[in-house]
Every structure is written in C-alpha cells, then in structure tokens.
PDB file of N, CA and C in Angstrom:
ATOM      1  N   MET A   1       0.862  -1.167   0.000  1.00  0.00           N
ATOM      2  CA  MET A   1       0.000   0.000   0.000  1.00  0.00           C
ATOM      3  C   MET A   1       0.902   1.220   0.000  1.00  0.00           C
ATOM      4  N   GLY A   2       0.751   1.998  -1.014  1.00  0.00           N
ATOM      5  CA  GLY A   2       1.563   3.199  -1.128  1.00  0.00           C
ATOM      6  C   GLY A   2       0.949   4.369  -0.391  1.00  0.00           C
ATOM      7  N   LEU A   3       1.638   5.482  -0.426  1.00  0.00           N
ATOM      8  CA  LEU A   3       1.175   6.696   0.244  1.00  0.00           C
ATOM      9  C   LEU A   3      -0.157   7.164  -0.330  1.00  0.00           C
ATOM     10  N   ARG A   4      -0.290   7.056  -1.636  1.00  0.00           N
ATOM     11  CA  ARG A   4      -1.539   7.465  -2.282  1.00  0.00           C
ATOM     12  C   ARG A   4      -2.710   6.594  -1.823  1.00  0.00           C
ATOM     13  N   ASP A   5      -2.494   5.286  -1.757  1.00  0.00           N
ATOM     14  CA  ASP A   5      -3.544   4.381  -1.288  1.00  0.00           C
ATOM     15  C   ASP A   5      -3.888   4.650   0.169  1.00  0.00           C
ATOM     16  N   PHE A   6      -2.871   4.937   0.962  1.00  0.00           N
ATOM     17  CA  PHE A   6      -3.111   5.242   2.367  1.00  0.00           C
ATOM     18  C   PHE A   6      -3.965   6.497   2.506  1.00  0.00           C
ATOM     19  N   ALA A   7      -3.641   7.527   1.724  1.00  0.00           N
ATOM     20  CA  ALA A   7      -4.413   8.773   1.772  1.00  0.00           C
ATOM     21  C   ALA A   7      -5.851   8.531   1.327  1.00  0.00           C
ATOM     22  N   ARG A   8      -6.033   7.702   0.289  1.00  0.00           N
ATOM     23  CA  ARG A   8      -7.390   7.377  -0.173  1.00  0.00           C
ATOM     24  C   ARG A   8      -8.168   6.618   0.886  1.00  0.00           C
ATOM     25  N   SER A   9      -7.477   5.802   1.673  1.00  0.00           N
ATOM     26  CA  SER A   9      -8.174   5.013   2.697  1.00  0.00           C
ATOM     27  C   SER A   9      -8.696   5.882   3.828  1.00  0.00           C
ATOM     28  N   LEU A  10      -8.132   7.072   3.999  1.00  0.00           N
ATOM     29  CA  LEU A  10      -8.584   7.966   5.062  1.00  0.00           C
ATOM     30  C   LEU A  10      -9.826   8.760   4.674  1.00  0.00           C
ATOM     31  N   MET A  11     -10.130   8.801   3.378  1.00  0.00           N
ATOM     32  CA  MET A  11     -11.300   9.547   2.922  1.00  0.00           C
ATOM     33  C   MET A  11     -12.566   8.765   3.280  1.00  0.00           C
ATOM     34  N   PRO A  12     -13.539   9.425   3.895  1.00  0.00           N
ATOM     35  CA  PRO A  12     -14.755   8.711   4.291  1.00  0.00           C
ATOM     36  C   PRO A  12     -15.622   8.357   3.088  1.00  0.00           C
ATOM     37  N   GLY A  13     -16.339   7.259   3.201  1.00  0.00           N
ATOM     38  CA  GLY A  13     -17.337   6.910   2.218  1.00  0.00           C
ATOM     39  C   GLY A  13     -16.895   6.016   1.084  1.00  0.00           C
ATOM     40  N   ASN A  14     -15.636   5.687   0.974  1.00  0.00           N
ATOM     41  CA  ASN A  14     -15.219   4.845  -0.160  1.00  0.00           C
ATOM     42  C   ASN A  14     -14.645   3.509   0.313  1.00  0.00           C
ATOM     43  N   ASP A  15     -15.040   3.062   1.482  1.00  0.00           N
ATOM     44  CA  ASP A  15     -14.501   1.822   2.034  1.00  0.00           C
ATOM     45  C   ASP A  15     -14.761   0.617   1.135  1.00  0.00           C
ATOM     46  N   ARG A  16     -15.983   0.504   0.668  1.00  0.00           N
ATOM     47  CA  ARG A  16     -16.330  -0.661  -0.155  1.00  0.00           C
ATOM     48  C   ARG A  16     -15.585  -0.653  -1.485  1.00  0.00           C
ATOM     49  N   ALA A  17     -15.499   0.492  -2.105  1.00  0.00           N
ATOM     50  CA  ALA A  17     -14.792   0.592  -3.386  1.00  0.00           C
ATOM     51  C   ALA A  17     -13.299   0.291  -3.201  1.00  0.00           C
ATOM     52  N   LEU A  18     -12.726   0.822  -2.147  1.00  0.00           N
ATOM     53  CA  LEU A  18     -11.310   0.577  -1.877  1.00  0.00           C
ATOM     54  C   LEU A  18     -11.060  -0.898  -1.589  1.00  0.00           C
ATOM     55  N   ALA A  19     -11.933  -1.503  -0.800  1.00  0.00           N
ATOM     56  CA  ALA A  19     -11.777  -2.923  -0.480  1.00  0.00           C
ATOM     57  C   ALA A  19     -11.945  -3.786  -1.727  1.00  0.00           C
ATOM     58  N   ALA A  20     -12.878  -3.408  -2.589  1.00  0.00           N
ATOM     59  CA  ALA A  20     -13.101  -4.175  -3.815  1.00  0.00           C
ATOM     60  C   ALA A  20     -11.863  -4.149  -4.700  1.00  0.00           C
ATOM     61  N   GLU A  21     -11.175  -3.027  -4.749  1.00  0.00           N
ATOM     62  CA  GLU A  21      -9.954  -2.928  -5.555  1.00  0.00           C
ATOM     63  C   GLU A  21      -8.786  -3.645  -4.885  1.00  0.00           C
ATOM     64  N   GLN A  22      -8.633  -3.392  -3.604  1.00  0.00           N
ATOM     65  CA  GLN A  22      -7.451  -3.865  -2.898  1.00  0.00           C
ATOM     66  C   GLN A  22      -7.474  -5.380  -2.675  1.00  0.00           C
ATOM     67  N   TYR A  23      -8.650  -5.939  -2.432  1.00  0.00           N
ATOM     68  CA  TYR A  23      -8.742  -7.360  -2.092  1.00  0.00           C
ATOM     69  C   TYR A  23      -9.388  -8.184  -3.195  1.00  0.00           C
ATOM     70  N   ALA A  24      -9.363  -7.684  -4.414  1.00  0.00           N
ATOM     71  CA  ALA A  24      -9.912  -8.443  -5.539  1.00  0.00           C
ATOM     72  C   ALA A  24      -9.106  -9.728  -5.717  1.00  0.00           C
ATOM     73  N   ASP A  25      -9.777 -10.786  -6.089  1.00  0.00           N
ATOM     74  CA  ASP A  25      -9.163 -12.110  -6.320  1.00  0.00           C
ATOM     75  C   ASP A  25      -8.563 -12.719  -5.064  1.00  0.00           C
ATOM     76  N   ARG A  26      -9.067 -12.335  -3.904  1.00  0.00           N
ATOM     77  CA  ARG A  26      -8.618 -12.939  -2.652  1.00  0.00           C
ATOM     78  C   ARG A  26      -9.811 -13.535  -1.934  1.00  0.00           C
ATOM     79  N   GLU A  27      -9.584 -14.603  -1.236  1.00  0.00           N
ATOM     80  CA  GLU A  27     -10.638 -15.261  -0.465  1.00  0.00           C
ATOM     81  C   GLU A  27     -10.936 -14.434   0.779  1.00  0.00           C
ATOM     82  N   SER A  28     -12.221 -14.226   1.058  1.00  0.00           N
ATOM     83  CA  SER A  28     -12.575 -13.437   2.233  1.00  0.00           C
ATOM     84  C   SER A  28     -12.339 -14.275   3.494  1.00  0.00           C
ATOM     85  N   ALA A  29     -12.248 -13.614   4.609  1.00  0.00           N
ATOM     86  CA  ALA A  29     -12.025 -14.317   5.878  1.00  0.00           C
ATOM     87  C   ALA A  29     -13.197 -15.239   6.195  1.00  0.00           C
ATOM     88  N   THR A  30     -14.407 -14.811   5.884  1.00  0.00           N
ATOM     89  CA  THR A  30     -15.589 -15.637   6.131  1.00  0.00           C
ATOM     90  C   THR A  30     -15.558 -16.888   5.263  1.00  0.00           C
ATOM     91  N   ASP A  31     -15.236 -16.718   3.992  1.00  0.00           N
ATOM     92  CA  ASP A  31     -15.149 -17.869   3.090  1.00  0.00           C
ATOM     93  C   ASP A  31     -14.031 -18.816   3.512  1.00  0.00           C
ATOM     94  N   ARG A  32     -12.927 -18.257   3.947  1.00  0.00           N
ATOM     95  CA  ARG A  32     -11.797 -19.090   4.391  1.00  0.00           C
ATOM     96  C   ARG A  32     -12.178 -19.897   5.626  1.00  0.00           C
ATOM     97  N   ALA A  33     -12.851 -19.256   6.588  1.00  0.00           N
ATOM     98  CA  ALA A  33     -13.267 -19.954   7.809  1.00  0.00           C
ATOM     99  C   ALA A  33     -14.250 -21.073   7.478  1.00  0.00           C
ATOM    100  N   ALA A  34     -15.185 -20.814   6.575  1.00  0.00           N
ATOM    101  CA  ALA A  34     -16.148 -21.840   6.179  1.00  0.00           C
ATOM    102  C   ALA A  34     -15.452 -23.012   5.491  1.00  0.00           C
ATOM    103  N   ARG A  35     -14.492 -22.703   4.626  1.00  0.00           N
ATOM    104  CA  ARG A  35     -13.743 -23.762   3.942  1.00  0.00           C
ATOM    105  C   ARG A  35     -12.960 -24.610   4.939  1.00  0.00           C
ATOM    106  N   LYS A  36     -12.327 -23.950   5.902  1.00  0.00           N
ATOM    107  CA  LYS A  36     -11.560 -24.677   6.916  1.00  0.00           C
ATOM    108  C   LYS A  36     -12.464 -25.580   7.748  1.00  0.00           C
ATOM    109  N   ARG A  37     -13.665 -25.077   8.081  1.00  0.00           N
ATOM    110  CA  ARG A  37     -14.628 -25.897   8.833  1.00  0.00           C
ATOM    111  C   ARG A  37     -15.026 -27.129   8.043  1.00  0.00           C
ATOM    112  N   ARG A  38     -15.314 -26.931   6.756  1.00  0.00           N
ATOM    113  CA  ARG A  38     -15.704 -28.066   5.910  1.00  0.00           C
ATOM    114  C   ARG A  38     -14.572 -29.077   5.798  1.00  0.00           C
ATOM    115  N   GLU A  39     -13.356 -28.590   5.574  1.00  0.00           N
ATOM    116  CA  GLU A  39     -12.213 -29.495   5.440  1.00  0.00           C
ATOM    117  C   GLU A  39     -11.970 -30.266   6.728  1.00  0.00           C
ATOM    118  N   GLY A  40     -12.079 -29.580   7.849  1.00  0.00           N
ATOM    119  CA  GLY A  40     -11.877 -30.245   9.133  1.00  0.00           C
ATOM    120  C   GLY A  40     -12.944 -31.279   9.404  1.00  0.00           C
ATOM    121  N   HIS A  41     -14.177 -30.940   9.072  1.00  0.00           N
ATOM    122  CA  HIS A  41     -15.280 -31.872   9.283  1.00  0.00           C
ATOM    123  C   HIS A  41     -15.100 -33.118   8.430  1.00  0.00           C
ATOM    124  N   ARG A  42     -14.720 -32.921   7.179  1.00  0.00           N
ATOM    125  CA  ARG A  42     -14.547 -34.040   6.263  1.00  0.00           C
ATOM    126  C   ARG A  42     -13.402 -34.941   6.724  1.00  0.00           C
ATOM    127  N   SER A  43     -12.302 -34.344   7.137  1.00  0.00           N
ATOM    128  CA  SER A  43     -11.157 -35.158   7.536  1.00  0.00           C
ATOM    129  C   SER A  43     -11.440 -35.935   8.810  1.00  0.00           C
ATOM    130  N   LYS A  44     -12.214 -35.350   9.724  1.00  0.00           N
ATOM    131  CA  LYS A  44     -12.573 -36.073  10.950  1.00  0.00           C
ATOM    132  C   LYS A  44     -13.467 -37.258  10.634  1.00  0.00           C
ATOM    133  N   GLY A  45     -14.404 -37.074   9.716  1.00  0.00           N
ATOM    134  CA  GLY A  45     -15.310 -38.157   9.351  1.00  0.00           C
ATOM    135  C   GLY A  45     -14.579 -39.310   8.698  1.00  0.00           C
ATOM    136  N   VAL A  46     -13.657 -39.004   7.817  1.00  0.00           N
ATOM    137  CA  VAL A  46     -12.887 -40.042   7.131  1.00  0.00           C
ATOM    138  C   VAL A  46     -12.011 -40.782   8.128  1.00  0.00           C
ATOM    139  N   LYS A  47     -11.372 -40.047   9.004  1.00  0.00           N
ATOM    140  CA  LYS A  47     -10.499 -40.655  10.012  1.00  0.00           C
ATOM    141  C   LYS A  47     -11.294 -41.574  10.934  1.00  0.00           C
ATOM    142  N   ARG A  48     -12.450 -41.095  11.364  1.00  0.00           N
ATOM    143  CA  ARG A  48     -13.292 -41.890  12.265  1.00  0.00           C
ATOM    144  C   ARG A  48     -13.773 -43.165  11.571  1.00  0.00           C
ATOM    145  N   ALA A  49     -14.179 -43.062  10.321  1.00  0.00           N
ATOM    146  CA  ALA A  49     -14.646 -44.237   9.588  1.00  0.00           C
ATOM    147  C   ALA A  49     -13.512 -45.246   9.409  1.00  0.00           C
ATOM    148  N   ALA A  50     -12.316 -44.769   9.132  1.00  0.00           N
ATOM    149  CA  ALA A  50     -11.166 -45.661   8.974  1.00  0.00           C
ATOM    150  C   ALA A  50     -10.854 -46.373  10.286  1.00  0.00           C
ATOM    151  N   GLN A  51     -10.918 -45.655  11.388  1.00  0.00           N
ATOM    152  CA  GLN A  51     -10.658 -46.264  12.697  1.00  0.00           C
ATOM    153  C   GLN A  51     -11.707 -47.319  13.031  1.00  0.00           C
ATOM    154  N   GLN A  52     -12.970 -47.022  12.727  1.00  0.00           N
ATOM    155  CA  GLN A  52     -14.027 -47.990  12.998  1.00  0.00           C
ATOM    156  C   GLN A  52     -13.853 -49.239  12.143  1.00  0.00           C
ATOM    157  N   GLY A  53     -13.442 -49.060  10.896  1.00  0.00           N
ATOM    158  CA  GLY A  53     -13.188 -50.201  10.023  1.00  0.00           C
ATOM    159  C   GLY A  53     -12.047 -51.058  10.535  1.00  0.00           C
ATOM    160  N   GLU A  54     -10.997 -50.425  11.010  1.00  0.00           N
ATOM    161  CA  GLU A  54      -9.865 -51.162  11.569  1.00  0.00           C
ATOM    162  C   GLU A  54     -10.271 -51.928  12.820  1.00  0.00           C
ATOM    163  N   GLN A  55     -11.076 -51.314  13.670  1.00  0.00           N
ATOM    164  CA  GLN A  55     -11.545 -52.003  14.876  1.00  0.00           C
ATOM    165  C   GLN A  55     -12.371 -53.229  14.500  1.00  0.00           C
ATOM    166  N   TRP A  56     -13.229 -53.070  13.514  1.00  0.00           N
ATOM    167  CA  TRP A  56     -14.049 -54.192  13.072  1.00  0.00           C
ATOM    168  C   TRP A  56     -13.167 -55.322  12.557  1.00  0.00           C
ATOM    169  N   GLU A  57     -12.153 -54.978  11.762  1.00  0.00           N
ATOM    170  CA  GLU A  57     -11.225 -55.983  11.233  1.00  0.00           C
ATOM    171  C   GLU A  57     -10.507 -56.714  12.365  1.00  0.00           C
ATOM    172  N   ARG A  58     -10.032 -55.975  13.358  1.00  0.00           N
ATOM    173  CA  ARG A  58      -9.335 -56.606  14.485  1.00  0.00           C
ATOM    174  C   ARG A  58     -10.247 -57.574  15.229  1.00  0.00           C
ATOM    175  N   ARG A  59     -11.476 -57.141  15.498  1.00  0.00           N
ATOM    176  CA  ARG A  59     -12.425 -58.020  16.192  1.00  0.00           C
ATOM    177  C   ARG A  59     -12.721 -59.267  15.358  1.00  0.00           C
ATOM    178  N   ASP A  60     -12.880 -59.058  14.071  1.00  0.00           N
ATOM    179  CA  ASP A  60     -13.186 -60.170  13.172  1.00  0.00           C
ATOM    180  C   ASP A  60     -12.030 -61.161  13.126  1.00  0.00           C
ATOM    181  N   ARG A  61     -10.809 -60.670  13.074  1.00  0.00           N
ATOM    182  CA  ARG A  61      -9.629 -61.559  13.047  1.00  0.00           C
ATOM    183  C   ARG A  61      -9.520 -62.345  14.341  1.00  0.00           C
ATOM    184  N   ARG A  62      -9.728 -61.677  15.469  1.00  0.00           N
ATOM    185  CA  ARG A  62      -9.649 -62.358  16.766  1.00  0.00           C
ATOM    186  C   ARG A  62     -10.699 -63.447  16.873  1.00  0.00           C
ATOM    187  N   ARG A  63     -11.855 -63.203  16.325  1.00  0.00           N
ATOM    188  CA  ARG A  63     -12.954 -64.159  16.442  1.00  0.00           C
ATOM    189  C   ARG A  63     -12.669 -65.422  15.652  1.00  0.00           C
ATOM    190  N   PHE A  64     -11.984 -65.325  14.529  1.00  0.00           N
ATOM    191  CA  PHE A  64     -11.761 -66.468  13.663  1.00  0.00           C
ATOM    192  C   PHE A  64     -10.358 -67.056  13.772  1.00  0.00           C
ATOM    193  N   THR A  65      -9.536 -66.600  14.686  1.00  0.00           N
ATOM    194  CA  THR A  65      -8.191 -67.197  14.828  1.00  0.00           C
ATOM    195  C   THR A  65      -8.020 -67.846  16.157  1.00  0.00           C
TER     196      THR A  65
END
C-alpha cells in the first residue's frame, strides 16, 4: 500500500470501493473460515470411519483365529 492508497483510505465513504480494488481475487475471511470448517469436518469423518473399520477388522480376526 503506497502513500496514495493510504491517503485514499482515510477519505470517508469509499470503504467498499477501496476494499473491492485492494482485495480483488482474494478469499474473504468468512469464506476461508467456512472452507476450513468443511475441510476439518470431512477429515474427521474419514479418520473416524477408517478407525471404525480397523476395529471391526481386528475383532473379526480375533474371532476367527
């Protein structure tokens, strides 16, 4: 951010326009948080399912050996 951009940021009333220019092509904090929540939820579900499958396999092996 240069001196000119800094001076423009102090002018009242152009916050949205300035943000639209400055943060174009960037993921918003809200979108990033939602994506992280989804990724975390998905990874926990996969991990839990894998653990349950392994437990089932262990029980099954013990029963037949």
